[in-house]
PDB file of N, CA and C in Angstrom:
ATOM      1  N   MET A   1       2.955  -7.484  16.045  1.00  0.00           N
ATOM      2  CA  MET A   1       2.971  -6.046  16.261  1.00  0.00           C
ATOM      3  C   MET A   1       3.268  -5.338  14.937  1.00  0.00           C
ATOM      4  N   THR A   2       2.507  -4.308  14.657  1.00  0.00           N
ATOM      5  CA  THR A   2       2.692  -3.523  13.433  1.00  0.00           C
ATOM      6  C   THR A   2       3.889  -2.595  13.601  1.00  0.00           C
ATOM      7  N   PRO A   3       4.803  -2.582  12.619  1.00  0.00           N
ATOM      8  CA  PRO A   3       5.951  -1.673  12.733  1.00  0.00           C
ATOM      9  C   PRO A   3       5.512  -0.212  12.609  1.00  0.00           C
ATOM     10  N   THR A   4       6.241   0.661  13.245  1.00  0.00           N
ATOM     11  CA  THR A   4       5.930   2.093  13.161  1.00  0.00           C
ATOM     12  C   THR A   4       6.491   2.666  11.863  1.00  0.00           C
ATOM     13  N   ILE A   5       5.919   3.746  11.429  1.00  0.00           N
ATOM     14  CA  ILE A   5       6.390   4.442  10.233  1.00  0.00           C
ATOM     15  C   ILE A   5       7.023   5.750  10.685  1.00  0.00           C
ATOM     16  N   ASP A   6       8.303   5.947  10.353  1.00  0.00           N
ATOM     17  CA  ASP A   6       9.021   7.164  10.737  1.00  0.00           C
ATOM     18  C   ASP A   6       8.729   8.261   9.725  1.00  0.00           C
ATOM     19  N   ALA A   7       7.555   8.892   9.877  1.00  0.00           N
ATOM     20  CA  ALA A   7       7.152   9.998   9.010  1.00  0.00           C
ATOM     21  C   ALA A   7       6.445  11.024   9.884  1.00  0.00           C
ATOM     22  N   HIS A   8       6.913  12.255   9.835  1.00  0.00           N
ATOM     23  CA  HIS A   8       6.348  13.317  10.660  1.00  0.00           C
ATOM     24  C   HIS A   8       5.952  14.484   9.763  1.00  0.00           C
ATOM     25  N   VAL A   9       4.800  15.081  10.073  1.00  0.00           N
ATOM     26  CA  VAL A   9       4.291  16.213   9.297  1.00  0.00           C
ATOM     27  C   VAL A   9       4.086  17.381  10.254  1.00  0.00           C
ATOM     28  N   CYS A  10       4.750  18.491   9.971  1.00  0.00           N
ATOM     29  CA  CYS A  10       4.586  19.715  10.759  1.00  0.00           C
ATOM     30  C   CYS A  10       3.780  20.703   9.920  1.00  0.00           C
ATOM     31  N   LEU A  11       2.565  21.027  10.374  1.00  0.00           N
ATOM     32  CA  LEU A  11       1.686  21.944   9.654  1.00  0.00           C
ATOM     33  C   LEU A  11       1.810  23.351  10.229  1.00  0.00           C
ATOM     34  N   ASP A  12       1.730  24.340   9.347  1.00  0.00           N
ATOM     35  CA  ASP A  12       1.804  25.737   9.772  1.00  0.00           C
ATOM     36  C   ASP A  12       1.111  26.592   8.719  1.00  0.00           C
ATOM     37  N   THR A  13       0.750  27.812   9.082  1.00  0.00           N
ATOM     38  CA  THR A  13       0.227  28.733   8.073  1.00  0.00           C
ATOM     39  C   THR A  13       1.397  29.235   7.234  1.00  0.00           C
ATOM     40  N   HIS A  14       1.104  29.557   5.990  1.00  0.00           N
ATOM     41  CA  HIS A  14       2.117  30.095   5.085  1.00  0.00           C
ATOM     42  C   HIS A  14       2.576  31.442   5.642  1.00  0.00           C
ATOM     43  N   PRO A  15       3.883  31.754   5.612  1.00  0.00           N
ATOM     44  CA  PRO A  15       4.373  32.984   6.235  1.00  0.00           C
ATOM     45  C   PRO A  15       3.851  34.283   5.618  1.00  0.00           C
ATOM     46  N   THR A  16       3.512  34.271   4.337  1.00  0.00           N
ATOM     47  CA  THR A  16       3.027  35.507   3.713  1.00  0.00           C
ATOM     48  C   THR A  16       1.591  35.397   3.201  1.00  0.00           C
ATOM     49  N   HIS A  17       1.003  34.211   3.257  1.00  0.00           N
ATOM     50  CA  HIS A  17      -0.370  33.993   2.785  1.00  0.00           C
ATOM     51  C   HIS A  17      -1.124  33.172   3.835  1.00  0.00           C
ATOM     52  N   PRO A  18      -1.752  33.824   4.808  1.00  0.00           N
ATOM     53  CA  PRO A  18      -2.384  33.088   5.905  1.00  0.00           C
ATOM     54  C   PRO A  18      -3.537  32.186   5.487  1.00  0.00           C
ATOM     55  N   SER A  19      -4.024  32.293   4.260  1.00  0.00           N
ATOM     56  CA  SER A  19      -5.080  31.394   3.810  1.00  0.00           C
ATOM     57  C   SER A  19      -4.511  30.078   3.285  1.00  0.00           C
ATOM     58  N   ALA A  20      -3.188  29.951   3.267  1.00  0.00           N
ATOM     59  CA  ALA A  20      -2.538  28.723   2.806  1.00  0.00           C
ATOM     60  C   ALA A  20      -1.875  28.020   3.989  1.00  0.00           C
ATOM     61  N   VAL A  21      -1.741  26.707   3.860  1.00  0.00           N
ATOM     62  CA  VAL A  21      -1.115  25.891   4.900  1.00  0.00           C
ATOM     63  C   VAL A  21       0.107  25.200   4.300  1.00  0.00           C
ATOM     64  N   THR A  22       1.205  25.187   5.048  1.00  0.00           N
ATOM     65  CA  THR A  22       2.401  24.465   4.614  1.00  0.00           C
ATOM     66  C   THR A  22       2.561  23.203   5.438  1.00  0.00           C
ATOM     67  N   ALA A  23       3.183  22.211   4.849  1.00  0.00           N
ATOM     68  CA  ALA A  23       3.500  20.958   5.531  1.00  0.00           C
ATOM     69  C   ALA A  23       4.980  20.668   5.298  1.00  0.00           C
ATOM     70  N   VAL A  24       5.731  20.519   6.376  1.00  0.00           N
ATOM     71  CA  VAL A  24       7.143  20.149   6.290  1.00  0.00           C
ATOM     72  C   VAL A  24       7.242  18.705   6.758  1.00  0.00           C
ATOM     73  N   LEU A  25       7.797  17.856   5.907  1.00  0.00           N
ATOM     74  CA  LEU A  25       7.859  16.423   6.177  1.00  0.00           C
ATOM     75  C   LEU A  25       9.266  16.018   6.607  1.00  0.00           C
ATOM     76  N   THR A  26       9.337  15.194   7.639  1.00  0.00           N
ATOM     77  CA  THR A  26      10.621  14.675   8.110  1.00  0.00           C
ATOM     78  C   THR A  26      10.472  13.193   8.406  1.00  0.00           C
ATOM     79  N   GLY A  27      11.600  12.550   8.596  1.00  0.00           N
ATOM     80  CA  GLY A  27      11.606  11.132   8.927  1.00  0.00           C
ATOM     81  C   GLY A  27      12.086  10.286   7.761  1.00  0.00           C
ATOM     82  N   THR A  28      12.522   9.084   8.067  1.00  0.00           N
ATOM     83  CA  THR A  28      13.066   8.196   7.036  1.00  0.00           C
ATOM     84  C   THR A  28      12.003   7.710   6.059  1.00  0.00           C
ATOM     85  N   ARG A  29      10.735   7.779   6.432  1.00  0.00           N
ATOM     86  CA  ARG A  29       9.643   7.339   5.552  1.00  0.00           C
ATOM     87  C   ARG A  29       8.719   8.503   5.194  1.00  0.00           C
ATOM     88  N   ALA A  30       9.291   9.708   5.101  1.00  0.00           N
ATOM     89  CA  ALA A  30       8.500  10.907   4.794  1.00  0.00           C
ATOM     90  C   ALA A  30       7.786  10.784   3.457  1.00  0.00           C
ATOM     91  N   HIS A  31       8.325   9.972   2.561  1.00  0.00           N
ATOM     92  CA  HIS A  31       7.697   9.819   1.239  1.00  0.00           C
ATOM     93  C   HIS A  31       6.282   9.255   1.346  1.00  0.00           C
ATOM     94  N   ILE A  32       5.992   8.506   2.391  1.00  0.00           N
ATOM     95  CA  ILE A  32       4.639   7.961   2.568  1.00  0.00           C
ATOM     96  C   ILE A  32       3.658   9.102   2.827  1.00  0.00           C
ATOM     97  N   ALA A  33       4.012  10.004   3.730  1.00  0.00           N
ATOM     98  CA  ALA A  33       3.167  11.168   3.995  1.00  0.00           C
ATOM     99  C   ALA A  33       3.087  12.061   2.763  1.00  0.00           C
ATOM    100  N   HIS A  34       4.190  12.190   2.039  1.00  0.00           N
ATOM    101  CA  HIS A  34       4.244  13.017   0.824  1.00  0.00           C
ATOM    102  C   HIS A  34       3.231  12.512  -0.206  1.00  0.00           C
ATOM    103  N   LEU A  35       3.196  11.218  -0.428  1.00  0.00           N
ATOM    104  CA  LEU A  35       2.252  10.646  -1.390  1.00  0.00           C
ATOM    105  C   LEU A  35       0.808  10.895  -0.974  1.00  0.00           C
ATOM    106  N   GLY A  36       0.537  10.767   0.311  1.00  0.00           N
ATOM    107  CA  GLY A  36      -0.818  11.005   0.807  1.00  0.00           C
ATOM    108  C   GLY A  36      -1.254  12.445   0.641  1.00  0.00           C
ATOM    109  N   LEU A  37      -0.358  13.383   0.940  1.00  0.00           N
ATOM    110  CA  LEU A  37      -0.704  14.796   0.792  1.00  0.00           C
ATOM    111  C   LEU A  37      -0.884  15.172  -0.674  1.00  0.00           C
ATOM    112  N   GLU A  38      -0.018  14.673  -1.544  1.00  0.00           N
ATOM    113  CA  GLU A  38      -0.180  14.954  -2.978  1.00  0.00           C
ATOM    114  C   GLU A  38      -1.506  14.400  -3.494  1.00  0.00           C
ATOM    115  N   ALA A  39      -1.895  13.238  -3.006  1.00  0.00           N
ATOM    116  CA  ALA A  39      -3.175  12.647  -3.419  1.00  0.00           C
ATOM    117  C   ALA A  39      -4.356  13.497  -2.957  1.00  0.00           C
ATOM    118  N   ALA A  40      -4.150  14.281  -1.909  1.00  0.00           N
ATOM    119  CA  ALA A  40      -5.190  15.167  -1.386  1.00  0.00           C
ATOM    120  C   ALA A  40      -5.050  16.587  -1.934  1.00  0.00           C
ATOM    121  N   ASP A  41      -4.374  16.730  -3.078  1.00  0.00           N
ATOM    122  CA  ASP A  41      -4.239  18.007  -3.805  1.00  0.00           C
ATOM    123  C   ASP A  41      -3.305  19.022  -3.165  1.00  0.00           C
ATOM    124  N   TRP A  42      -2.360  18.586  -2.332  1.00  0.00           N
ATOM    125  CA  TRP A  42      -1.301  19.478  -1.856  1.00  0.00           C
ATOM    126  C   TRP A  42      -0.287  19.606  -2.990  1.00  0.00           C
ATOM    127  N   THR A  43       0.428  20.731  -3.046  1.00  0.00           N
ATOM    128  CA  THR A  43       1.406  21.004  -4.092  1.00  0.00           C
ATOM    129  C   THR A  43       2.810  21.006  -3.500  1.00  0.00           C
ATOM    130  N   THR A  44       3.722  20.280  -4.140  1.00  0.00           N
ATOM    131  CA  THR A  44       5.116  20.261  -3.703  1.00  0.00           C
ATOM    132  C   THR A  44       5.784  21.561  -4.134  1.00  0.00           C
ATOM    133  N   VAL A  45       6.440  22.252  -3.184  1.00  0.00           N
ATOM    134  CA  VAL A  45       7.119  23.508  -3.500  1.00  0.00           C
ATOM    135  C   VAL A  45       8.627  23.418  -3.256  1.00  0.00           C
ATOM    136  N   ALA A  46       9.073  22.397  -2.548  1.00  0.00           N
ATOM    137  CA  ALA A  46      10.494  22.158  -2.285  1.00  0.00           C
ATOM    138  C   ALA A  46      10.615  20.724  -1.772  1.00  0.00           C
ATOM    139  N   ASP A  47      11.845  20.256  -1.600  1.00  0.00           N
ATOM    140  CA  ASP A  47      12.031  18.912  -1.048  1.00  0.00           C
ATOM    141  C   ASP A  47      11.361  18.824   0.313  1.00  0.00           C
ATOM    142  N   ASN A  48      10.425  17.905   0.437  1.00  0.00           N
ATOM    143  CA  ASN A  48       9.700  17.655   1.678  1.00  0.00           C
ATOM    144  C   ASN A  48       8.931  18.849   2.215  1.00  0.00           C
ATOM    145  N   VAL A  49       8.530  19.752   1.323  1.00  0.00           N
ATOM    146  CA  VAL A  49       7.679  20.887   1.705  1.00  0.00           C
ATOM    147  C   VAL A  49       6.527  20.951   0.703  1.00  0.00           C
ATOM    148  N   LEU A  50       5.305  20.949   1.234  1.00  0.00           N
ATOM    149  CA  LEU A  50       4.114  21.036   0.398  1.00  0.00           C
ATOM    150  C   LEU A  50       3.251  22.188   0.884  1.00  0.00           C
ATOM    151  N   VAL A  51       2.366  22.679   0.009  1.00  0.00           N
ATOM    152  CA  VAL A  51       1.463  23.766   0.370  1.00  0.00           C
ATOM    153  C   VAL A  51       0.063  23.422  -0.127  1.00  0.00           C
ATOM    154  N   LEU A  52      -0.929  23.782   0.676  1.00  0.00           N
ATOM    155  CA  LEU A  52      -2.326  23.655   0.288  1.00  0.00           C
ATOM    156  C   LEU A  52      -2.871  25.069   0.202  1.00  0.00           C
ATOM    157  N   VAL A  53      -3.343  25.442  -0.995  1.00  0.00           N
ATOM    158  CA  VAL A  53      -3.819  26.810  -1.203  1.00  0.00           C
ATOM    159  C   VAL A  53      -5.326  26.812  -1.336  1.00  0.00           C
ATOM    160  N   ARG A  54      -5.913  27.937  -0.983  1.00  0.00           N
ATOM    161  CA  ARG A  54      -7.352  28.124  -1.124  1.00  0.00           C
ATOM    162  C   ARG A  54      -7.609  28.814  -2.456  1.00  0.00           C
ATOM    163  N   ILE A  55      -8.605  28.375  -3.172  1.00  0.00           N
ATOM    164  CA  ILE A  55      -8.990  29.048  -4.409  1.00  0.00           C
ATOM    165  C   ILE A  55      -9.971  30.154  -4.035  1.00  0.00           C
ATOM    166  N   ASP A  56      -9.591  31.408  -4.335  1.00  0.00           N
ATOM    167  CA  ASP A  56     -10.398  32.564  -3.941  1.00  0.00           C
ATOM    168  C   ASP A  56     -11.581  32.818  -4.865  1.00  0.00           C
ATOM    169  N   GLY A  57     -11.472  32.455  -6.111  1.00  0.00           N
ATOM    170  CA  GLY A  57     -12.551  32.745  -7.040  1.00  0.00           C
ATOM    171  C   GLY A  57     -12.167  32.315  -8.434  1.00  0.00           C
ATOM    172  N   VAL A  58     -12.857  32.844  -9.395  1.00  0.00           N
ATOM    173  CA  VAL A  58     -12.593  32.512 -10.789  1.00  0.00           C
ATOM    174  C   VAL A  58     -12.135  33.771 -11.502  1.00  0.00           C
ATOM    175  N   SER A  59     -11.041  33.654 -12.259  1.00  0.00           N
ATOM    176  CA  SER A  59     -10.524  34.800 -12.995  1.00  0.00           C
ATOM    177  C   SER A  59     -11.424  35.106 -14.187  1.00  0.00           C
ATOM    178  N   SER A  60     -11.160  36.214 -14.850  1.00  0.00           N
ATOM    179  CA  SER A  60     -11.980  36.605 -15.992  1.00  0.00           C
ATOM    180  C   SER A  60     -11.866  35.609 -17.139  1.00  0.00           C
ATOM    181  N   ALA A  61     -10.779  34.854 -17.192  1.00  0.00           N
ATOM    182  CA  ALA A  61     -10.604  33.859 -18.245  1.00  0.00           C
ATOM    183  C   ALA A  61     -11.357  32.572 -17.922  1.00  0.00           C
ATOM    184  N   GLY A  62     -11.956  32.493 -16.741  1.00  0.00           N
ATOM    185  CA  GLY A  62     -12.732  31.310 -16.393  1.00  0.00           C
ATOM    186  C   GLY A  62     -11.952  30.242 -15.650  1.00  0.00           C
ATOM    187  N   SER A  63     -10.659  30.438 -15.449  1.00  0.00           N
ATOM    188  CA  SER A  63      -9.879  29.455 -14.718  1.00  0.00           C
ATOM    189  C   SER A  63      -9.775  29.867 -13.266  1.00  0.00           C
ATOM    190  N   PRO A  64      -9.608  28.903 -12.356  1.00  0.00           N
ATOM    191  CA  PRO A  64      -9.524  29.265 -10.943  1.00  0.00           C
ATOM    192  C   PRO A  64      -8.355  30.203 -10.669  1.00  0.00           C
ATOM    193  N   SER A  65      -8.551  31.109  -9.736  1.00  0.00           N
ATOM    194  CA  SER A  65      -7.518  32.045  -9.317  1.00  0.00           C
ATOM    195  C   SER A  65      -7.026  31.627  -7.947  1.00  0.00           C
ATOM    196  N   LEU A  66      -5.760  31.289  -7.834  1.00  0.00           N
ATOM    197  CA  LEU A  66      -5.218  30.840  -6.564  1.00  0.00           C
ATOM    198  C   LEU A  66      -4.950  32.016  -5.658  1.00  0.00           C
ATOM    199  N   GLY A  67      -5.170  31.797  -4.360  1.00  0.00           N
ATOM    200  CA  GLY A  67      -4.916  32.824  -3.373  1.00  0.00           C
ATOM    201  C   GLY A  67      -3.441  33.087  -3.168  1.00  0.00           C
ATOM    202  N   VAL A  68      -2.569  32.130  -3.496  1.00  0.00           N
ATOM    203  CA  VAL A  68      -1.130  32.295  -3.364  1.00  0.00           C
ATOM    204  C   VAL A  68      -0.466  31.649  -4.560  1.00  0.00           C
ATOM    205  N   SER A  69       0.774  32.020  -4.787  1.00  0.00           N
ATOM    206  CA  SER A  69       1.536  31.347  -5.830  1.00  0.00           C
ATOM    207  C   SER A  69       2.073  30.060  -5.257  1.00  0.00           C
ATOM    208  N   SER A  70       2.503  29.152  -6.094  1.00  0.00           N
ATOM    209  CA  SER A  70       3.077  27.904  -5.587  1.00  0.00           C
ATOM    210  C   SER A  70       4.580  28.030  -5.444  1.00  0.00           C
ATOM    211  N   GLY A  71       5.045  29.254  -5.152  1.00  0.00           N
ATOM    212  CA  GLY A  71       6.461  29.480  -4.914  1.00  0.00           C
ATOM    213  C   GLY A  71       6.870  28.968  -3.551  1.00  0.00           C
ATOM    214  N   SER A  72       8.098  29.165  -3.200  1.00  0.00           N
ATOM    215  CA  SER A  72       8.643  28.681  -1.941  1.00  0.00           C
ATOM    216  C   SER A  72       7.906  29.288  -0.759  1.00  0.00           C
ATOM    217  N   PRO A  73       7.608  28.480   0.285  1.00  0.00           N
ATOM    218  CA  PRO A  73       6.865  29.004   1.432  1.00  0.00           C
ATOM    219  C   PRO A  73       7.665  29.978   2.275  1.00  0.00           C
TER     220      PRO A  73
END
């Protein structure tokens, strides 16, 4: 029998930026989910809290313009 992994991910929309999604990680093995989300381009904003932001367009300098800051959710 394969052992279970105690890692839980609670997804929600960002409270002030509805185009962004937050993930709150819990459980004794939350680091496993954390590594997977970071590999999928999620950004860590606090301990066990990550955010996925949508890129709205390109700024005049040619670099992507994020729809939200990577500040605390």
